[in-house]
C-alpha atoms as a PDB file:
ATOM      1  CA  MET A   1     -28.009  40.081  71.646  1.00  0.00           C
ATOM      2  CA  ILE A   2     -25.360  37.748  70.718  1.00  0.00           C
ATOM      3  CA  PHE A   3     -27.309  35.368  68.862  1.00  0.00           C
ATOM      4  CA  GLU A   4     -28.053  38.469  66.431  1.00  0.00           C
ATOM      5  CA  THR A   5     -24.102  39.130  66.288  1.00  0.00           C
ATOM      6  CA  VAL A   6     -23.566  35.610  65.653  1.00  0.00           C
ATOM      7  CA  LYS A   7     -26.498  34.980  62.627  1.00  0.00           C
ATOM      8  CA  ARG A   8     -24.932  38.404  60.864  1.00  0.00           C
ATOM      9  CA  MET A   9     -21.290  37.092  61.067  1.00  0.00           C
ATOM     10  CA  LEU A  10     -22.564  33.644  59.693  1.00  0.00           C
ATOM     11  CA  SER A  11     -24.968  35.041  57.098  1.00  0.00           C
ATOM     12  CA  GLU A  12     -21.699  36.931  55.456  1.00  0.00           C
ATOM     13  CA  LEU A  13     -18.866  34.421  56.389  1.00  0.00           C
ATOM     14  CA  PHE A  14     -21.224  31.775  54.614  1.00  0.00           C
ATOM     15  CA  PHE A  15     -23.205  33.705  52.411  1.00  0.00           C
ATOM     16  CA  VAL A  16     -26.565  32.433  53.258  1.00  0.00           C
ATOM     17  CA  GLU A  17     -29.553  33.961  54.871  1.00  0.00           C
ATOM     18  CA  GLU A  18     -29.610  35.126  58.414  1.00  0.00           C
ATOM     19  CA  ASP A  19     -33.299  33.485  58.478  1.00  0.00           C
ATOM     20  CA  GLU A  20     -31.569  30.268  57.560  1.00  0.00           C
ATOM     21  CA  ILE A  21     -29.577  30.070  60.553  1.00  0.00           C
ATOM     22  CA  SER A  22     -30.800  28.924  63.785  1.00  0.00           C
ATOM     23  CA  LEU A  23     -29.243  27.378  67.067  1.00  0.00           C
ATOM     24  CA  GLU A  24     -29.381  24.408  65.577  1.00  0.00           C
ATOM     25  CA  THR A  25     -27.461  25.314  62.706  1.00  0.00           C
ATOM     26  CA  SER A  26     -24.492  22.623  62.047  1.00  0.00           C
ATOM     27  CA  PHE A  27     -21.414  24.872  60.455  1.00  0.00           C
ATOM     28  CA  VAL A  28     -20.327  21.625  59.044  1.00  0.00           C
ATOM     29  CA  LYS A  29     -23.781  19.541  58.380  1.00  0.00           C
ATOM     30  CA  ASP A  30     -25.653  22.715  57.369  1.00  0.00           C
ATOM     31  CA  LEU A  31     -22.837  25.513  56.173  1.00  0.00           C
ATOM     32  CA  GLU A  32     -20.255  22.763  54.623  1.00  0.00           C
ATOM     33  CA  ALA A  33     -17.960  24.893  56.570  1.00  0.00           C
ATOM     34  CA  ASP A  34     -14.256  23.002  56.117  1.00  0.00           C
ATOM     35  CA  SER A  35     -11.204  23.681  58.830  1.00  0.00           C
ATOM     36  CA  LEU A  36     -10.265  27.184  56.626  1.00  0.00           C
ATOM     37  CA  ASP A  37     -13.911  28.274  57.363  1.00  0.00           C
ATOM     38  CA  LEU A  38     -13.593  27.587  61.087  1.00  0.00           C
ATOM     39  CA  VAL A  39     -10.369  29.326  61.424  1.00  0.00           C
ATOM     40  CA  ASP A  40     -12.048  32.711  59.668  1.00  0.00           C
ATOM     41  CA  LEU A  41     -14.768  31.879  62.174  1.00  0.00           C
ATOM     42  CA  VAL A  42     -13.100  31.913  65.222  1.00  0.00           C
ATOM     43  CA  MET A  43     -10.554  34.889  63.991  1.00  0.00           C
ATOM     44  CA  ALA A  44     -13.897  36.589  63.251  1.00  0.00           C
ATOM     45  CA  ILE A  45     -15.571  35.936  66.899  1.00  0.00           C
ATOM     46  CA  GLU A  46     -12.235  37.087  68.294  1.00  0.00           C
ATOM     47  CA  ASP A  47     -12.125  40.090  66.997  1.00  0.00           C
ATOM     48  CA  GLU A  48     -15.816  41.188  67.378  1.00  0.00           C
ATOM     49  CA  PHE A  49     -16.509  40.222  70.853  1.00  0.00           C
ATOM     50  CA  GLY A  50     -12.662  40.809  72.173  1.00  0.00           C
ATOM     51  CA  ILE A  51     -12.278  36.958  73.543  1.00  0.00           C
ATOM     52  CA  GLU A  52     -10.140  34.430  72.732  1.00  0.00           C
ATOM     53  CA  VAL A  53     -11.146  30.705  71.682  1.00  0.00           C
ATOM     54  CA  LEU A  54      -9.029  28.545  72.825  1.00  0.00           C
ATOM     55  CA  ASP A  55      -7.721  25.683  70.248  1.00  0.00           C
ATOM     56  CA  ASP A  56      -9.239  23.043  72.239  1.00  0.00           C
ATOM     57  CA  ASP A  57     -12.568  24.665  72.853  1.00  0.00           C
ATOM     58  CA  VAL A  58     -13.134  24.793  69.260  1.00  0.00           C
ATOM     59  CA  LYS A  59     -13.541  21.417  68.879  1.00  0.00           C
ATOM     60  CA  SER A  60     -16.599  21.305  71.198  1.00  0.00           C
ATOM     61  CA  ILE A  61     -18.398  24.268  68.651  1.00  0.00           C
ATOM     62  CA  ASN A  62     -20.010  22.702  66.660  1.00  0.00           C
ATOM     63  CA  THR A  63     -23.677  24.697  66.286  1.00  0.00           C
ATOM     64  CA  ALA A  64     -24.542  28.549  66.383  1.00  0.00           C
ATOM     65  CA  GLY A  65     -25.839  27.666  69.534  1.00  0.00           C
ATOM     66  CA  ASP A  66     -22.610  26.162  70.522  1.00  0.00           C
ATOM     67  CA  LEU A  67     -21.206  29.110  69.495  1.00  0.00           C
ATOM     68  CA  VAL A  68     -23.394  31.905  71.356  1.00  0.00           C
ATOM     69  CA  GLU A  69     -23.131  29.270  75.037  1.00  0.00           C
ATOM     70  CA  TYR A  70     -19.305  29.921  74.578  1.00  0.00           C
ATOM     71  CA  ILE A  71     -19.122  33.519  73.875  1.00  0.00           C
ATOM     72  CA  SER A  72     -21.629  33.935  76.873  1.00  0.00           C
ATOM     73  CA  ARG A  73     -19.443  32.179  78.726  1.00  0.00           C
ATOM     74  CA  ALA A  74     -16.042  33.582  77.905  1.00  0.00           C
ATOM     75  CA  SER A  75     -17.698  37.322  77.752  1.00  0.00           C
ATOM     76  CA  ARG A  76     -19.055  36.905  81.678  1.00  0.00           C
ATOM     77  CA  GLY A  77     -15.012  35.473  82.156  1.00  0.00           C
END
């Protein structure tokens, strides 16, 4: 399941427990991510799921739910 993988990755990158992460979790507001953190996240997502996250798309990915939806669409091709 995509969300389970995303939760694991966010937990590792931001040092939070997986059960603290929901689809509504905001990278900036809840996880206090900065631009470097977001670059690290994008690179990890690209490696894990074998997709390319376009720079223009990153601006619209603000929550864990946004990310899950993006991965799901990109995986379907």
